[in-house]
Amino acid sequence: MATKSRSATPKVPRMPKKELQAWLKGRTTWDHQEWLALLADLSAKGFGHWTESDEGRCAIGEFLEANRAK
């Protein structure tokens, strides 16, 4: 019986770019409480991979900084 082999490397969930773009709309600055609320919202939406590690939070922060309205 033939089976498909699975790769040993786990698949990384997609980055929540669409959600982050929506959050950024009309926003040029944010404070720590807004940041924490954003992380909690993303976690509740299933993006825990990105919100529960330093690397993931850094990636989110870098995305926000690179894409915020100037």
C-alpha atoms as a PDB file:
ATOM      1  CA  MET A   1       0.000   0.000   0.000  1.00  0.00           C
ATOM      2  CA  ALA A   2       1.530   3.285  -1.096  1.00  0.00           C
ATOM      3  CA  THR A   3       1.363   6.316   1.155  1.00  0.00           C
ATOM      4  CA  LYS A   4       2.374   9.878   0.573  1.00  0.00           C
ATOM      5  CA  SER A   5       5.413  10.875   2.545  1.00  0.00           C
ATOM      6  CA  ARG A   6       5.106  13.905   4.745  1.00  0.00           C
ATOM      7  CA  SER A   7       7.909  16.349   5.185  1.00  0.00           C
ATOM      8  CA  ALA A   8       9.565  16.445   8.577  1.00  0.00           C
ATOM      9  CA  THR A   9       9.367  20.249   8.664  1.00  0.00           C
ATOM     10  CA  PRO A  10       6.066  21.511  10.051  1.00  0.00           C
ATOM     11  CA  LYS A  11       4.166  23.968   7.866  1.00  0.00           C
ATOM     12  CA  VAL A  12       4.317  27.533   9.154  1.00  0.00           C
ATOM     13  CA  PRO A  13       0.849  29.103   9.411  1.00  0.00           C
ATOM     14  CA  ARG A  14       0.271  32.129   7.217  1.00  0.00           C
ATOM     15  CA  MET A  15       1.181  35.508   8.582  1.00  0.00           C
ATOM     16  CA  PRO A  16      -1.950  37.560   9.335  1.00  0.00           C
ATOM     17  CA  LYS A  17      -1.142  40.240   6.731  1.00  0.00           C
ATOM     18  CA  LYS A  18      -4.787  40.877   5.811  1.00  0.00           C
ATOM     19  CA  GLU A  19      -5.716  41.334   9.467  1.00  0.00           C
ATOM     20  CA  LEU A  20      -2.728  43.583  10.105  1.00  0.00           C
ATOM     21  CA  GLN A  21      -3.501  45.744   7.067  1.00  0.00           C
ATOM     22  CA  ALA A  22      -7.081  46.183   8.327  1.00  0.00           C
ATOM     23  CA  TRP A  23      -5.792  47.095  11.806  1.00  0.00           C
ATOM     24  CA  LEU A  24      -3.373  49.634  10.323  1.00  0.00           C
ATOM     25  CA  LYS A  25      -6.000  51.383   8.209  1.00  0.00           C
ATOM     26  CA  GLY A  26      -6.006  55.021   9.280  1.00  0.00           C
ATOM     27  CA  ARG A  27      -3.542  54.380  12.093  1.00  0.00           C
ATOM     28  CA  THR A  28      -0.069  55.930  12.168  1.00  0.00           C
ATOM     29  CA  THR A  29       0.754  55.360  15.836  1.00  0.00           C
ATOM     30  CA  TRP A  30      -0.288  53.015  18.618  1.00  0.00           C
ATOM     31  CA  ASP A  31       0.465  52.539  22.275  1.00  0.00           C
ATOM     32  CA  HIS A  32       1.365  49.498  24.319  1.00  0.00           C
ATOM     33  CA  GLN A  33      -2.248  48.745  25.267  1.00  0.00           C
ATOM     34  CA  GLU A  34      -3.283  48.774  21.592  1.00  0.00           C
ATOM     35  CA  TRP A  35      -0.371  46.467  20.794  1.00  0.00           C
ATOM     36  CA  LEU A  36      -1.441  44.018  23.518  1.00  0.00           C
ATOM     37  CA  ALA A  37      -5.060  44.164  22.327  1.00  0.00           C
ATOM     38  CA  LEU A  38      -3.933  43.450  18.753  1.00  0.00           C
ATOM     39  CA  LEU A  39      -1.907  40.429  19.895  1.00  0.00           C
ATOM     40  CA  ALA A  40      -4.849  39.114  21.939  1.00  0.00           C
ATOM     41  CA  ASP A  41      -7.207  39.558  18.978  1.00  0.00           C
ATOM     42  CA  LEU A  42      -4.837  37.773  16.597  1.00  0.00           C
ATOM     43  CA  SER A  43      -4.350  34.954  19.085  1.00  0.00           C
ATOM     44  CA  ALA A  44      -8.129  34.535  19.427  1.00  0.00           C
ATOM     45  CA  LYS A  45      -8.372  34.341  15.620  1.00  0.00           C
ATOM     46  CA  GLY A  46      -5.941  31.406  15.525  1.00  0.00           C
ATOM     47  CA  PHE A  47      -2.644  33.174  14.920  1.00  0.00           C
ATOM     48  CA  GLY A  48      -1.010  31.935  18.113  1.00  0.00           C
ATOM     49  CA  HIS A  49       2.048  30.818  16.165  1.00  0.00           C
ATOM     50  CA  TRP A  50       2.765  34.510  15.531  1.00  0.00           C
ATOM     51  CA  THR A  51       1.628  35.989  18.843  1.00  0.00           C
ATOM     52  CA  GLU A  52       3.080  33.532  21.338  1.00  0.00           C
ATOM     53  CA  SER A  53       6.766  33.752  20.452  1.00  0.00           C
ATOM     54  CA  ASP A  54       9.274  36.586  20.456  1.00  0.00           C
ATOM     55  CA  GLU A  55      10.136  35.855  16.829  1.00  0.00           C
ATOM     56  CA  GLY A  56       6.489  35.982  15.787  1.00  0.00           C
ATOM     57  CA  ARG A  57       5.794  39.211  17.662  1.00  0.00           C
ATOM     58  CA  CYS A  58       8.911  40.767  16.132  1.00  0.00           C
ATOM     59  CA  ALA A  59       7.734  39.759  12.654  1.00  0.00           C
ATOM     60  CA  ILE A  60       4.326  41.346  13.340  1.00  0.00           C
ATOM     61  CA  GLY A  61       5.986  44.525  14.627  1.00  0.00           C
ATOM     62  CA  GLU A  62       8.281  44.730  11.619  1.00  0.00           C
ATOM     63  CA  PHE A  63       5.301  44.298   9.292  1.00  0.00           C
ATOM     64  CA  LEU A  64       3.384  47.050  11.086  1.00  0.00           C
ATOM     65  CA  GLU A  65       6.325  49.456  11.001  1.00  0.00           C
ATOM     66  CA  ALA A  66       6.995  48.784   7.329  1.00  0.00           C
ATOM     67  CA  ASN A  67       3.355  49.194   6.303  1.00  0.00           C
ATOM     68  CA  ARG A  68       1.958  51.945   8.506  1.00  0.00           C
ATOM     69  CA  ALA A  69       0.724  55.157   6.886  1.00  0.00           C
ATOM     70  CA  LYS A  70       3.340  57.854   6.982  1.00  0.00           C
END
